[in-house]
Amino acid sequence: MSCCIHSWENNNTLPSITSHRKSIENRERRVFMNRLITAIVFAGLLAPTIRAAEKPAETPPPPAVKVGDMAPDFTLTDQNGNKVSLKDFKGKKNVALAFYIFAFTGG
């Protein structure tokens, strides 16, 4: 709750009614601007969500490898920077593959 401070220094008169109206108008203007800015920010935050909902869902292509099929050969880099190929282990060791998207990458 705000309180007006009156001054008797100017000809011993109270502040005019117009100054009180101006302070009310300024307060109303601040409230309006705060609401307007809040609405604009809220709309900006919702815009990407609405646009994403408008796009049709893309269905992923069916998998090329089925359960029980021989895994295709590929080459990846290990944790030490060495190239490792699946064909290097064929007939020598059993291989279990586990893929973790963005695991341990910080991204």
PDB file of N, CA and C in Angstrom:
ATOM      1  N   MET A   1       0.842  -1.165   0.000  1.00  0.00           N
ATOM      2  CA  MET A   1       0.000   0.000   0.000  1.00  0.00           C
ATOM      3  C   MET A   1       0.888   1.228   0.000  1.00  0.00           C
ATOM      4  N   SER A   2       0.602   2.148  -0.903  1.00  0.00           N
ATOM      5  CA  SER A   2       1.454   3.324  -0.989  1.00  0.00           C
ATOM      6  C   SER A   2       0.802   4.490  -0.261  1.00  0.00           C
ATOM      7  N   CYS A   3       1.607   5.419   0.125  1.00  0.00           N
ATOM      8  CA  CYS A   3       1.124   6.588   0.846  1.00  0.00           C
ATOM      9  C   CYS A   3       1.741   7.824   0.209  1.00  0.00           C
ATOM     10  N   CYS A   4       0.934   8.854   0.059  1.00  0.00           N
ATOM     11  CA  CYS A   4       1.445  10.093  -0.529  1.00  0.00           C
ATOM     12  C   CYS A   4       1.991  10.970   0.585  1.00  0.00           C
ATOM     13  N   ILE A   5       3.121  11.598   0.328  1.00  0.00           N
ATOM     14  CA  ILE A   5       3.717  12.518   1.281  1.00  0.00           C
ATOM     15  C   ILE A   5       3.342  13.926   0.837  1.00  0.00           C
ATOM     16  N   HIS A   6       2.717  14.673   1.722  1.00  0.00           N
ATOM     17  CA  HIS A   6       2.272  16.023   1.380  1.00  0.00           C
ATOM     18  C   HIS A   6       3.287  17.033   1.875  1.00  0.00           C
ATOM     19  N   SER A   7       3.455  18.049   1.092  1.00  0.00           N
ATOM     20  CA  SER A   7       4.387  19.100   1.470  1.00  0.00           C
ATOM     21  C   SER A   7       3.624  20.407   1.599  1.00  0.00           C
ATOM     22  N   TRP A   8       3.898  21.153   2.653  1.00  0.00           N
ATOM     23  CA  TRP A   8       3.242  22.436   2.878  1.00  0.00           C
ATOM     24  C   TRP A   8       4.156  23.597   2.502  1.00  0.00           C
ATOM     25  N   GLU A   9       5.222  23.317   1.777  1.00  0.00           N
ATOM     26  CA  GLU A   9       6.197  24.356   1.469  1.00  0.00           C
ATOM     27  C   GLU A   9       5.736  25.277   0.353  1.00  0.00           C
ATOM     28  N   ASN A  10       4.874  24.828  -0.529  1.00  0.00           N
ATOM     29  CA  ASN A  10       4.444  25.653  -1.659  1.00  0.00           C
ATOM     30  C   ASN A  10       3.130  26.354  -1.335  1.00  0.00           C
ATOM     31  N   ASN A  11       3.206  27.518  -0.780  1.00  0.00           N
ATOM     32  CA  ASN A  11       2.042  28.356  -0.463  1.00  0.00           C
ATOM     33  C   ASN A  11       1.042  27.662   0.453  1.00  0.00           C
ATOM     34  N   ASN A  12       1.508  26.789   1.264  1.00  0.00           N
ATOM     35  CA  ASN A  12       0.666  26.099   2.233  1.00  0.00           C
ATOM     36  C   ASN A  12      -0.544  25.413   1.597  1.00  0.00           C
ATOM     37  N   THR A  13      -0.350  24.819   0.418  1.00  0.00           N
ATOM     38  CA  THR A  13      -1.452  24.107  -0.234  1.00  0.00           C
ATOM     39  C   THR A  13      -1.068  22.651  -0.413  1.00  0.00           C
ATOM     40  N   LEU A  14      -2.058  21.805  -0.423  1.00  0.00           N
ATOM     41  CA  LEU A  14      -1.818  20.391  -0.673  1.00  0.00           C
ATOM     42  C   LEU A  14      -1.507  20.189  -2.145  1.00  0.00           C
ATOM     43  N   PRO A  15      -0.850  19.085  -2.495  1.00  0.00           N
ATOM     44  CA  PRO A  15      -0.606  18.820  -3.909  1.00  0.00           C
ATOM     45  C   PRO A  15      -1.935  18.749  -4.651  1.00  0.00           C
ATOM     46  N   SER A  16      -1.906  19.175  -5.876  1.00  0.00           N
ATOM     47  CA  SER A  16      -3.148  19.251  -6.645  1.00  0.00           C
ATOM     48  C   SER A  16      -3.673  17.858  -6.978  1.00  0.00           C
ATOM     49  N   ILE A  17      -4.929  17.822  -7.325  1.00  0.00           N
ATOM     50  CA  ILE A  17      -5.573  16.566  -7.690  1.00  0.00           C
ATOM     51  C   ILE A  17      -4.967  16.027  -8.979  1.00  0.00           C
ATOM     52  N   THR A  18      -4.506  16.902  -9.870  1.00  0.00           N
ATOM     53  CA  THR A  18      -3.928  16.432 -11.136  1.00  0.00           C
ATOM     54  C   THR A  18      -2.660  15.637 -10.904  1.00  0.00           C
ATOM     55  N   SER A  19      -1.848  16.025  -9.920  1.00  0.00           N
ATOM     56  CA  SER A  19      -0.631  15.249  -9.660  1.00  0.00           C
ATOM     57  C   SER A  19      -0.986  13.873  -9.105  1.00  0.00           C
ATOM     58  N   HIS A  20      -2.061  13.806  -8.322  1.00  0.00           N
ATOM     59  CA  HIS A  20      -2.513  12.517  -7.813  1.00  0.00           C
ATOM     60  C   HIS A  20      -3.027  11.646  -8.953  1.00  0.00           C
ATOM     61  N   ARG A  21      -3.758  12.250  -9.879  1.00  0.00           N
ATOM     62  CA  ARG A  21      -4.249  11.514 -11.043  1.00  0.00           C
ATOM     63  C   ARG A  21      -3.087  11.025 -11.907  1.00  0.00           C
ATOM     64  N   LYS A  22      -2.077  11.873 -12.045  1.00  0.00           N
ATOM     65  CA  LYS A  22      -0.901  11.467 -12.834  1.00  0.00           C
ATOM     66  C   LYS A  22      -0.208  10.266 -12.199  1.00  0.00           C
ATOM     67  N   SER A  23      -0.112  10.259 -10.882  1.00  0.00           N
ATOM     68  CA  SER A  23       0.542   9.122 -10.238  1.00  0.00           C
ATOM     69  C   SER A  23      -0.281   7.852 -10.424  1.00  0.00           C
ATOM     70  N   ILE A  24      -1.604   7.981 -10.397  1.00  0.00           N
ATOM     71  CA  ILE A  24      -2.459   6.822 -10.650  1.00  0.00           C
ATOM     72  C   ILE A  24      -2.306   6.356 -12.087  1.00  0.00           C
ATOM     73  N   GLU A  25      -2.264   7.310 -13.029  1.00  0.00           N
ATOM     74  CA  GLU A  25      -2.082   6.950 -14.439  1.00  0.00           C
ATOM     75  C   GLU A  25      -0.732   6.286 -14.665  1.00  0.00           C
ATOM     76  N   ASN A  26       0.300   6.786 -14.012  1.00  0.00           N
ATOM     77  CA  ASN A  26       1.628   6.176 -14.144  1.00  0.00           C
ATOM     78  C   ASN A  26       1.628   4.755 -13.599  1.00  0.00           C
ATOM     79  N   ARG A  27       0.957   4.539 -12.478  1.00  0.00           N
ATOM     80  CA  ARG A  27       0.878   3.199 -11.898  1.00  0.00           C
ATOM     81  C   ARG A  27       0.120   2.257 -12.841  1.00  0.00           C
ATOM     82  N   GLU A  28      -1.000   2.745 -13.391  1.00  0.00           N
ATOM     83  CA  GLU A  28      -1.768   1.935 -14.338  1.00  0.00           C
ATOM     84  C   GLU A  28      -0.949   1.621 -15.585  1.00  0.00           C
ATOM     85  N   ARG A  29      -0.166   2.586 -16.056  1.00  0.00           N
ATOM     86  CA  ARG A  29       0.678   2.380 -17.233  1.00  0.00           C
ATOM     87  C   ARG A  29       1.745   1.334 -16.947  1.00  0.00           C
ATOM     88  N   ARG A  30       2.342   1.377 -15.742  1.00  0.00           N
ATOM     89  CA  ARG A  30       3.346   0.384 -15.373  1.00  0.00           C
ATOM     90  C   ARG A  30       2.739  -1.011 -15.317  1.00  0.00           C
ATOM     91  N   VAL A  31       1.545  -1.119 -14.728  1.00  0.00           N
ATOM     92  CA  VAL A  31       0.876  -2.420 -14.647  1.00  0.00           C
ATOM     93  C   VAL A  31       0.581  -2.938 -16.043  1.00  0.00           C
ATOM     94  N   PHE A  32       0.086  -2.062 -16.919  1.00  0.00           N
ATOM     95  CA  PHE A  32      -0.212  -2.462 -18.296  1.00  0.00           C
ATOM     96  C   PHE A  32       1.050  -2.922 -19.021  1.00  0.00           C
ATOM     97  N   MET A  33       2.137  -2.175 -18.889  1.00  0.00           N
ATOM     98  CA  MET A  33       3.385  -2.540 -19.564  1.00  0.00           C
ATOM     99  C   MET A  33       3.931  -3.858 -19.021  1.00  0.00           C
ATOM    100  N   ASN A  34       3.844  -4.073 -17.720  1.00  0.00           N
ATOM    101  CA  ASN A  34       4.299  -5.346 -17.144  1.00  0.00           C
ATOM    102  C   ASN A  34       3.497  -6.507 -17.705  1.00  0.00           C
ATOM    103  N   ARG A  35       2.193  -6.331 -17.813  1.00  0.00           N
ATOM    104  CA  ARG A  35       1.357  -7.397 -18.366  1.00  0.00           C
ATOM    105  C   ARG A  35       1.649  -7.612 -19.843  1.00  0.00           C
ATOM    106  N   LEU A  36       1.860  -6.539 -20.578  1.00  0.00           N
ATOM    107  CA  LEU A  36       2.165  -6.648 -22.004  1.00  0.00           C
ATOM    108  C   LEU A  36       3.485  -7.382 -22.224  1.00  0.00           C
ATOM    109  N   ILE A  37       4.501  -7.012 -21.477  1.00  0.00           N
ATOM    110  CA  ILE A  37       5.810  -7.657 -21.614  1.00  0.00           C
ATOM    111  C   ILE A  37       5.707  -9.131 -21.222  1.00  0.00           C
ATOM    112  N   THR A  38       4.957  -9.434 -20.160  1.00  0.00           N
ATOM    113  CA  THR A  38       4.775 -10.823 -19.751  1.00  0.00           C
ATOM    114  C   THR A  38       4.091 -11.629 -20.859  1.00  0.00           C
ATOM    115  N   ALA A  39       3.065 -11.044 -21.485  1.00  0.00           N
ATOM    116  CA  ALA A  39       2.356 -11.730 -22.564  1.00  0.00           C
ATOM    117  C   ALA A  39       3.269 -11.973 -23.758  1.00  0.00           C
ATOM    118  N   ILE A  40       4.105 -11.000 -24.103  1.00  0.00           N
ATOM    119  CA  ILE A  40       5.018 -11.151 -25.240  1.00  0.00           C
ATOM    120  C   ILE A  40       6.049 -12.239 -24.955  1.00  0.00           C
ATOM    121  N   VAL A  41       6.609 -12.239 -23.761  1.00  0.00           N
ATOM    122  CA  VAL A  41       7.603 -13.269 -23.396  1.00  0.00           C
ATOM    123  C   VAL A  41       6.947 -14.647 -23.394  1.00  0.00           C
ATOM    124  N   PHE A  42       5.748 -14.753 -22.837  1.00  0.00           N
ATOM    125  CA  PHE A  42       5.042 -16.032 -22.799  1.00  0.00           C
ATOM    126  C   PHE A  42       4.751 -16.527 -24.213  1.00  0.00           C
ATOM    127  N   ALA A  43       4.316 -15.631 -25.097  1.00  0.00           N
ATOM    128  CA  ALA A  43       4.050 -16.018 -26.489  1.00  0.00           C
ATOM    129  C   ALA A  43       5.341 -16.462 -27.175  1.00  0.00           C
ATOM    130  N   GLY A  44       6.447 -15.784 -26.894  1.00  0.00           N
ATOM    131  CA  GLY A  44       7.730 -16.170 -27.471  1.00  0.00           C
ATOM    132  C   GLY A  44       8.188 -17.539 -27.007  1.00  0.00           C
ATOM    133  N   LEU A  45       7.870 -17.879 -25.774  1.00  0.00           N
ATOM    134  CA  LEU A  45       8.249 -19.190 -25.267  1.00  0.00           C
ATOM    135  C   LEU A  45       7.370 -20.298 -25.844  1.00  0.00           C
ATOM    136  N   LEU A  46       6.113 -19.981 -26.147  1.00  0.00           N
ATOM    137  CA  LEU A  46       5.204 -20.986 -26.675  1.00  0.00           C
ATOM    138  C   LEU A  46       5.310 -21.180 -28.185  1.00  0.00           C
ATOM    139  N   ALA A  47       5.837 -20.199 -28.895  1.00  0.00           N
ATOM    140  CA  ALA A  47       5.877 -20.272 -30.361  1.00  0.00           C
ATOM    141  C   ALA A  47       6.599 -21.517 -30.872  1.00  0.00           C
ATOM    142  N   PRO A  48       7.781 -21.878 -30.368  1.00  0.00           N
ATOM    143  CA  PRO A  48       8.429 -23.091 -30.875  1.00  0.00           C
ATOM    144  C   PRO A  48       7.620 -24.351 -30.594  1.00  0.00           C
ATOM    145  N   THR A  49       6.932 -24.396 -29.466  1.00  0.00           N
ATOM    146  CA  THR A  49       6.127 -25.562 -29.134  1.00  0.00           C
ATOM    147  C   THR A  49       4.958 -25.705 -30.088  1.00  0.00           C
ATOM    148  N   ILE A  50       4.321 -24.598 -30.399  1.00  0.00           N
ATOM    149  CA  ILE A  50       3.180 -24.627 -31.304  1.00  0.00           C
ATOM    150  C   ILE A  50       3.636 -25.032 -32.700  1.00  0.00           C
ATOM    151  N   ARG A  51       4.758 -24.480 -33.138  1.00  0.00           N
ATOM    152  CA  ARG A  51       5.254 -24.818 -34.475  1.00  0.00           C
ATOM    153  C   ARG A  51       5.664 -26.279 -34.555  1.00  0.00           C
ATOM    154  N   ALA A  52       6.229 -26.819 -33.488  1.00  0.00           N
ATOM    155  CA  ALA A  52       6.623 -28.228 -33.487  1.00  0.00           C
ATOM    156  C   ALA A  52       5.392 -29.127 -33.534  1.00  0.00           C
ATOM    157  N   ALA A  53       4.319 -28.694 -32.890  1.00  0.00           N
ATOM    158  CA  ALA A  53       3.098 -29.494 -32.889  1.00  0.00           C
ATOM    159  C   ALA A  53       2.426 -29.495 -34.257  1.00  0.00           C
ATOM    160  N   GLU A  54       2.661 -28.454 -35.057  1.00  0.00           N
ATOM    161  CA  GLU A  54       2.056 -28.361 -36.381  1.00  0.00           C
ATOM    162  C   GLU A  54       2.704 -29.309 -37.387  1.00  0.00           C
ATOM    163  N   LYS A  55       3.963 -29.641 -37.177  1.00  0.00           N
ATOM    164  CA  LYS A  55       4.676 -30.507 -38.112  1.00  0.00           C
ATOM    165  C   LYS A  55       4.196 -31.946 -37.962  1.00  0.00           C
ATOM    166  N   PRO A  56       4.005 -32.637 -39.066  1.00  0.00           N
ATOM    167  CA  PRO A  56       3.621 -34.045 -38.945  1.00  0.00           C
ATOM    168  C   PRO A  56       4.786 -34.866 -38.386  1.00  0.00           C
ATOM    169  N   ALA A  57       4.451 -35.864 -37.635  1.00  0.00           N
ATOM    170  CA  ALA A  57       5.481 -36.716 -37.041  1.00  0.00           C
ATOM    171  C   ALA A  57       6.188 -37.507 -38.140  1.00  0.00           C
ATOM    172  N   GLU A  58       7.508 -37.441 -38.128  1.00  0.00           N
ATOM    173  CA  GLU A  58       8.292 -38.174 -39.113  1.00  0.00           C
ATOM    174  C   GLU A  58       8.506 -39.591 -38.600  1.00  0.00           C
ATOM    175  N   THR A  59       8.126 -40.545 -39.404  1.00  0.00           N
ATOM    176  CA  THR A  59       8.327 -41.932 -38.998  1.00  0.00           C
ATOM    177  C   THR A  59       9.719 -42.377 -39.429  1.00  0.00           C
ATOM    178  N   PRO A  60      10.439 -43.020 -38.526  1.00  0.00           N
ATOM    179  CA  PRO A  60      11.784 -43.477 -38.883  1.00  0.00           C
ATOM    180  C   PRO A  60      11.692 -44.625 -39.900  1.00  0.00           C
ATOM    181  N   PRO A  61      12.720 -44.768 -40.721  1.00  0.00           N
ATOM    182  CA  PRO A  61      12.711 -45.870 -41.687  1.00  0.00           C
ATOM    183  C   PRO A  61      12.792 -47.203 -40.945  1.00  0.00           C
ATOM    184  N   PRO A  62      12.270 -48.245 -41.540  1.00  0.00           N
ATOM    185  CA  PRO A  62      12.354 -49.546 -40.864  1.00  0.00           C
ATOM    186  C   PRO A  62      13.813 -49.984 -40.746  1.00  0.00           C
ATOM    187  N   PRO A  63      14.143 -50.724 -39.704  1.00  0.00           N
ATOM    188  CA  PRO A  63      15.536 -51.146 -39.528  1.00  0.00           C
ATOM    189  C   PRO A  63      15.971 -52.084 -40.655  1.00  0.00           C
ATOM    190  N   ALA A  64      17.213 -51.906 -41.078  1.00  0.00           N
ATOM    191  CA  ALA A  64      17.755 -52.731 -42.165  1.00  0.00           C
ATOM    192  C   ALA A  64      18.248 -54.076 -41.640  1.00  0.00           C
ATOM    193  N   VAL A  65      18.584 -54.141 -40.369  1.00  0.00           N
ATOM    194  CA  VAL A  65      19.099 -55.370 -39.772  1.00  0.00           C
ATOM    195  C   VAL A  65      18.033 -55.919 -38.834  1.00  0.00           C
ATOM    196  N   LYS A  66      17.746 -57.193 -38.967  1.00  0.00           N
ATOM    197  CA  LYS A  66      16.757 -57.835 -38.112  1.00  0.00           C
ATOM    198  C   LYS A  66      17.458 -58.678 -37.057  1.00  0.00           C
ATOM    199  N   VAL A  67      16.705 -59.032 -36.044  1.00  0.00           N
ATOM    200  CA  VAL A  67      17.255 -59.875 -34.974  1.00  0.00           C
ATOM    201  C   VAL A  67      17.724 -61.191 -35.577  1.00  0.00           C
ATOM    202  N   GLY A  68      18.954 -61.574 -35.257  1.00  0.00           N
ATOM    203  CA  GLY A  68      19.523 -62.823 -35.749  1.00  0.00           C
ATOM    204  C   GLY A  68      20.366 -62.641 -37.002  1.00  0.00           C
ATOM    205  N   ASP A  69      20.281 -61.475 -37.672  1.00  0.00           N
ATOM    206  CA  ASP A  69      21.104 -61.216 -38.858  1.00  0.00           C
ATOM    207  C   ASP A  69      22.543 -60.958 -38.443  1.00  0.00           C
ATOM    208  N   MET A  70      23.455 -61.175 -39.383  1.00  0.00           N
ATOM    209  CA  MET A  70      24.866 -60.858 -39.171  1.00  0.00           C
ATOM    210  C   MET A  70      25.015 -59.335 -39.181  1.00  0.00           C
ATOM    211  N   ALA A  71      25.723 -58.803 -38.204  1.00  0.00           N
ATOM    212  CA  ALA A  71      25.919 -57.356 -38.131  1.00  0.00           C
ATOM    213  C   ALA A  71      26.797 -56.889 -39.287  1.00  0.00           C
ATOM    214  N   PRO A  72      26.445 -55.766 -39.917  1.00  0.00           N
ATOM    215  CA  PRO A  72      27.296 -55.242 -40.987  1.00  0.00           C
ATOM    216  C   PRO A  72      28.606 -54.730 -40.413  1.00  0.00           C
ATOM    217  N   ASP A  73      29.638 -54.752 -41.214  1.00  0.00           N
ATOM    218  CA  ASP A  73      30.941 -54.277 -40.759  1.00  0.00           C
ATOM    219  C   ASP A  73      30.931 -52.755 -40.665  1.00  0.00           C
ATOM    220  N   PHE A  74      31.551 -52.237 -39.636  1.00  0.00           N
ATOM    221  CA  PHE A  74      31.701 -50.786 -39.463  1.00  0.00           C
ATOM    222  C   PHE A  74      32.957 -50.541 -38.647  1.00  0.00           C
ATOM    223  N   THR A  75      33.415 -49.300 -38.716  1.00  0.00           N
ATOM    224  CA  THR A  75      34.616 -48.898 -37.991  1.00  0.00           C
ATOM    225  C   THR A  75      34.291 -47.675 -37.139  1.00  0.00           C
ATOM    226  N   LEU A  76      34.733 -47.716 -35.888  1.00  0.00           N
ATOM    227  CA  LEU A  76      34.532 -46.593 -34.962  1.00  0.00           C
ATOM    228  C   LEU A  76      35.839 -46.298 -34.242  1.00  0.00           C
ATOM    229  N   THR A  77      35.876 -45.160 -33.577  1.00  0.00           N
ATOM    230  CA  THR A  77      37.045 -44.772 -32.796  1.00  0.00           C
ATOM    231  C   THR A  77      36.791 -45.121 -31.341  1.00  0.00           C
ATOM    232  N   ASP A  78      37.773 -45.769 -30.685  1.00  0.00           N
ATOM    233  CA  ASP A  78      37.595 -46.118 -29.280  1.00  0.00           C
ATOM    234  C   ASP A  78      37.980 -44.939 -28.387  1.00  0.00           C
ATOM    235  N   GLN A  79      37.935 -45.163 -27.068  1.00  0.00           N
ATOM    236  CA  GLN A  79      38.209 -44.094 -26.110  1.00  0.00           C
ATOM    237  C   GLN A  79      39.642 -43.587 -26.164  1.00  0.00           C
ATOM    238  N   ASN A  80      40.548 -44.353 -26.775  1.00  0.00           N
ATOM    239  CA  ASN A  80      41.946 -43.938 -26.891  1.00  0.00           C
ATOM    240  C   ASN A  80      42.265 -43.322 -28.252  1.00  0.00           C
ATOM    241  N   GLY A  81      41.259 -43.205 -29.107  1.00  0.00           N
ATOM    242  CA  GLY A  81      41.471 -42.611 -30.426  1.00  0.00           C
ATOM    243  C   GLY A  81      41.870 -43.611 -31.494  1.00  0.00           C
ATOM    244  N   ASN A  82      41.914 -44.896 -31.175  1.00  0.00           N
ATOM    245  CA  ASN A  82      42.283 -45.937 -32.143  1.00  0.00           C
ATOM    246  C   ASN A  82      41.051 -46.369 -32.936  1.00  0.00           C
ATOM    247  N   LYS A  83      41.237 -46.661 -34.221  1.00  0.00           N
ATOM    248  CA  LYS A  83      40.159 -47.160 -35.066  1.00  0.00           C
ATOM    249  C   LYS A  83      39.962 -48.641 -34.781  1.00  0.00           C
ATOM    250  N   VAL A  84      38.705 -49.027 -34.536  1.00  0.00           N
ATOM    251  CA  VAL A  84      38.364 -50.420 -34.260  1.00  0.00           C
ATOM    252  C   VAL A  84      37.272 -50.815 -35.236  1.00  0.00           C
ATOM    253  N   SER A  85      37.496 -51.930 -35.924  1.00  0.00           N
ATOM    254  CA  SER A  85      36.530 -52.423 -36.902  1.00  0.00           C
ATOM    255  C   SER A  85      35.931 -53.725 -36.407  1.00  0.00           C
ATOM    256  N   LEU A  86      34.666 -53.939 -36.727  1.00  0.00           N
ATOM    257  CA  LEU A  86      33.999 -55.158 -36.298  1.00  0.00           C
ATOM    258  C   LEU A  86      34.629 -56.391 -36.948  1.00  0.00           C
ATOM    259  N   LYS A  87      35.129 -56.254 -38.169  1.00  0.00           N
ATOM    260  CA  LYS A  87      35.720 -57.401 -38.868  1.00  0.00           C
ATOM    261  C   LYS A  87      36.997 -57.893 -38.181  1.00  0.00           C
ATOM    262  N   ASP A  88      37.641 -57.036 -37.366  1.00  0.00           N
ATOM    263  CA  ASP A  88      38.849 -57.437 -36.644  1.00  0.00           C
ATOM    264  C   ASP A  88      38.560 -58.544 -35.627  1.00  0.00           C
ATOM    265  N   PHE A  89      37.327 -58.668 -35.170  1.00  0.00           N
ATOM    266  CA  PHE A  89      36.968 -59.644 -34.151  1.00  0.00           C
ATOM    267  C   PHE A  89      36.283 -60.886 -34.724  1.00  0.00           C
ATOM    268  N   LYS A  90      35.992 -60.894 -36.013  1.00  0.00           N
ATOM    269  CA  LYS A  90      35.241 -62.004 -36.608  1.00  0.00           C
ATOM    270  C   LYS A  90      36.034 -63.309 -36.457  1.00  0.00           C
ATOM    271  N   GLY A  91      35.395 -64.300 -35.860  1.00  0.00           N
ATOM    272  CA  GLY A  91      36.010 -65.604 -35.661  1.00  0.00           C
ATOM    273  C   GLY A  91      36.979 -65.656 -34.499  1.00  0.00           C
ATOM    274  N   LYS A  92      37.298 -64.551 -33.833  1.00  0.00           N
ATOM    275  CA  LYS A  92      38.253 -64.529 -32.733  1.00  0.00           C
ATOM    276  C   LYS A  92      37.571 -64.389 -31.377  1.00  0.00           C
ATOM    277  N   LYS A  93      36.624 -63.465 -31.286  1.00  0.00           N
ATOM    278  CA  LYS A  93      35.974 -63.172 -30.006  1.00  0.00           C
ATOM    279  C   LYS A  93      34.492 -62.912 -30.240  1.00  0.00           C
ATOM    280  N   ASN A  94      33.724 -63.094 -29.184  1.00  0.00           N
ATOM    281  CA  ASN A  94      32.327 -62.677 -29.226  1.00  0.00           C
ATOM    282  C   ASN A  94      32.275 -61.180 -28.951  1.00  0.00           C
ATOM    283  N   VAL A  95      31.380 -60.509 -29.621  1.00  0.00           N
ATOM    284  CA  VAL A  95      31.286 -59.057 -29.482  1.00  0.00           C
ATOM    285  C   VAL A  95      29.868 -58.689 -29.078  1.00  0.00           C
ATOM    286  N   ALA A  96      29.742 -57.861 -28.057  1.00  0.00           N
ATOM    287  CA  ALA A  96      28.453 -57.296 -27.655  1.00  0.00           C
ATOM    288  C   ALA A  96      28.534 -55.793 -27.903  1.00  0.00           C
ATOM    289  N   LEU A  97      27.570 -55.274 -28.636  1.00  0.00           N
ATOM    290  CA  LEU A  97      27.566 -53.849 -28.960  1.00  0.00           C
ATOM    291  C   LEU A  97      26.517 -53.131 -28.126  1.00  0.00           C
ATOM    292  N   ALA A  98      26.903 -52.023 -27.550  1.00  0.00           N
ATOM    293  CA  ALA A  98      25.966 -51.175 -26.807  1.00  0.00           C
ATOM    294  C   ALA A  98      26.224 -49.742 -27.246  1.00  0.00           C
ATOM    295  N   PHE A  99      25.194 -49.089 -27.766  1.00  0.00           N
ATOM    296  CA  PHE A  99      25.321 -47.716 -28.243  1.00  0.00           C
ATOM    297  C   PHE A  99      24.606 -46.781 -27.277  1.00  0.00           C
ATOM    298  N   TYR A 100      25.307 -45.757 -26.824  1.00  0.00           N
ATOM    299  CA  TYR A 100      24.754 -44.756 -25.932  1.00  0.00           C
ATOM    300  C   TYR A 100      24.883 -43.410 -26.633  1.00  0.00           C
ATOM    301  N   ILE A 101      23.778 -42.874 -27.057  1.00  0.00           N
ATOM    302  CA  ILE A 101      23.799 -41.604 -27.786  1.00  0.00           C
ATOM    303  C   ILE A 101      24.200 -40.489 -26.814  1.00  0.00           C
ATOM    304  N   PHE A 102      25.217 -39.765 -27.140  1.00  0.00           N
ATOM    305  CA  PHE A 102      25.746 -38.621 -26.387  1.00  0.00           C
ATOM    306  C   PHE A 102      26.216 -38.972 -24.984  1.00  0.00           C
ATOM    307  N   ALA A 103      26.379 -40.241 -24.676  1.00  0.00           N
ATOM    308  CA  ALA A 103      26.857 -40.602 -23.352  1.00  0.00           C
ATOM    309  C   ALA A 103      28.331 -40.222 -23.219  1.00  0.00           C
ATOM    310  N   PHE A 104      28.665 -39.628 -22.121  1.00  0.00           N
ATOM    311  CA  PHE A 104      30.043 -39.271 -21.792  1.00  0.00           C
ATOM    312  C   PHE A 104      30.661 -38.275 -22.772  1.00  0.00           C
ATOM    313  N   THR A 105      29.829 -37.538 -23.534  1.00  0.00           N
ATOM    314  CA  THR A 105      30.376 -36.597 -24.497  1.00  0.00           C
ATOM    315  C   THR A 105      30.238 -35.164 -24.023  1.00  0.00           C
ATOM    316  N   GLY A 106      29.403 -34.930 -23.025  1.00  0.00           N
ATOM    317  CA  GLY A 106      29.182 -33.565 -22.560  1.00  0.00           C
ATOM    318  C   GLY A 106      28.273 -32.801 -23.497  1.00  0.00           C
ATOM    319  N   GLY A 107      27.693 -33.432 -24.508  1.00  0.00           N
ATOM    320  CA  GLY A 107      26.848 -32.729 -25.464  1.00  0.00           C
ATOM    321  C   GLY A 107      25.487 -33.096 -25.452  1.00  0.00           C
TER     322      GLY A 107
END
